[in-house]
Amino acid sequence: MTQDLEVETTLIRQAADVLDDAARAFAGDAAGDEFHCPLADSSLGPSALGREVVTAAGRRVQQAAEAARHLGTLSADTAGKLRTSATAFEAAEAGAISGPR
């Protein structure tokens, strides 16, 4: 038994556009630029504990920035896959892709 499938490719493409916007937001202002923690060694006072907290915070900021860039890359990849899917659905609807044999 066959069943017709209706796919809104316009909505798929709009979802891809939203993902592209997210990818740009996660990438930051300048690709490849490192984000640096705004804290300085003496921000929390002159103690060794204060300096250690600043160092740890700096590492976490770097990790968060790297994770955001990675999420941006994944978002852009997913947007591309959505566009490919929309194109394939349009081709199938136009009869360019034959059904199962």
Protein backbone atom coordinates (compact mmCIF):
# COMPACT_ATOMS: atom_id res chain seq x y z
CA MET A 1 0.00 0.00 0.00
CA THR A 2 1.37 3.42 -0.91
CA GLN A 3 0.77 6.64 0.92
CA ASP A 4 1.27 10.18 -0.32
CA LEU A 5 3.59 12.33 1.73
CA GLU A 6 3.24 16.07 1.87
CA VAL A 7 6.37 17.98 2.84
CA GLU A 8 6.54 21.73 3.37
CA THR A 9 9.98 22.44 1.93
CA THR A 10 9.52 26.16 2.53
CA LEU A 11 9.35 25.50 6.28
CA ILE A 12 12.39 23.24 6.09
CA ARG A 13 14.32 26.03 4.37
CA GLN A 14 13.13 28.53 6.99
CA ALA A 15 14.39 26.21 9.73
CA ALA A 16 17.74 26.09 7.93
CA ASP A 17 17.83 29.92 7.89
CA VAL A 18 17.19 29.97 11.66
CA LEU A 19 20.05 27.52 12.17
CA ASP A 20 22.32 29.72 10.03
CA ASP A 21 21.46 32.68 12.26
CA ALA A 22 22.28 30.58 15.33
CA ALA A 23 25.56 29.47 13.76
CA ARG A 24 26.58 33.08 13.20
CA ALA A 25 25.65 33.98 16.78
CA PHE A 26 27.65 31.08 18.21
CA ALA A 27 30.65 31.87 16.01
CA GLY A 28 31.05 35.30 17.58
CA ASP A 29 32.16 38.54 16.03
CA ALA A 30 35.37 37.37 14.38
CA ALA A 31 36.07 33.78 13.46
CA GLY A 32 39.32 32.49 14.87
CA ASP A 33 39.69 35.27 17.44
CA GLU A 34 40.22 34.07 20.97
CA PHE A 35 37.96 35.36 23.71
CA HIS A 36 39.87 36.27 26.83
CA CYS A 37 38.54 36.30 30.36
CA PRO A 38 38.06 39.90 31.49
CA LEU A 39 39.51 39.11 34.92
CA ALA A 40 43.11 40.02 35.69
CA ASP A 41 45.36 38.19 38.16
CA SER A 42 44.65 40.81 40.81
CA SER A 43 40.89 41.09 40.17
CA LEU A 44 40.07 39.10 43.31
CA GLY A 45 42.85 40.47 45.45
CA PRO A 46 46.53 39.66 45.88
CA SER A 47 46.07 36.21 47.45
CA ALA A 48 47.17 32.96 45.80
CA LEU A 49 43.60 31.71 46.12
CA GLY A 50 42.29 34.76 44.24
CA ARG A 51 44.81 34.23 41.45
CA GLU A 52 43.91 30.53 41.23
CA VAL A 53 40.19 31.38 40.96
CA VAL A 54 40.93 33.86 38.16
CA THR A 55 43.04 31.25 36.34
CA ALA A 56 40.27 28.64 36.67
CA ALA A 57 37.65 31.14 35.49
CA GLY A 58 39.83 31.97 32.49
CA ARG A 59 40.06 28.30 31.54
CA ARG A 60 36.27 27.91 31.82
CA VAL A 61 35.69 30.99 29.65
CA GLN A 62 37.98 29.53 26.98
CA GLN A 63 36.17 26.17 27.16
CA ALA A 64 32.76 27.86 26.88
CA ALA A 65 33.88 29.91 23.87
CA GLU A 66 35.24 26.79 22.17
CA ALA A 67 32.00 24.90 22.86
CA ALA A 68 29.96 27.79 21.41
CA ARG A 69 32.06 27.78 18.23
CA HIS A 70 31.59 24.01 17.94
CA LEU A 71 27.84 24.42 18.39
CA GLY A 72 27.92 27.03 15.63
CA THR A 73 29.66 24.58 13.31
CA LEU A 74 27.10 21.88 14.10
CA SER A 75 24.26 24.35 13.49
CA ALA A 76 25.67 25.32 10.10
CA ASP A 77 26.13 21.65 9.15
CA THR A 78 22.55 20.87 10.15
CA ALA A 79 21.27 23.82 8.11
CA GLY A 80 23.04 22.43 5.07
CA LYS A 81 21.54 19.00 5.62
CA LEU A 82 18.06 20.51 5.92
CA ARG A 83 18.53 22.33 2.62
CA THR A 84 19.70 19.12 0.97
CA SER A 85 16.62 17.34 2.31
CA ALA A 86 14.33 20.07 1.00
CA THR A 87 15.95 19.85 -2.43
CA ALA A 88 15.54 16.06 -2.45
CA PHE A 89 11.86 16.32 -1.51
CA GLU A 90 11.31 18.88 -4.27
CA ALA A 91 13.07 16.64 -6.79
CA ALA A 92 10.96 13.67 -5.71
CA GLU A 93 7.79 15.72 -6.01
CA ALA A 94 8.79 16.86 -9.49
CA GLY A 95 9.25 13.25 -10.53
CA ALA A 96 13.01 13.45 -10.89
CA ILE A 97 13.39 10.59 -8.40
CA SER A 98 11.59 7.38 -9.19
CA GLY A 99 9.75 5.46 -6.50
CA PRO A 100 10.70 2.05 -5.09
CA ARG A 101 10.75 -0.90 -7.48
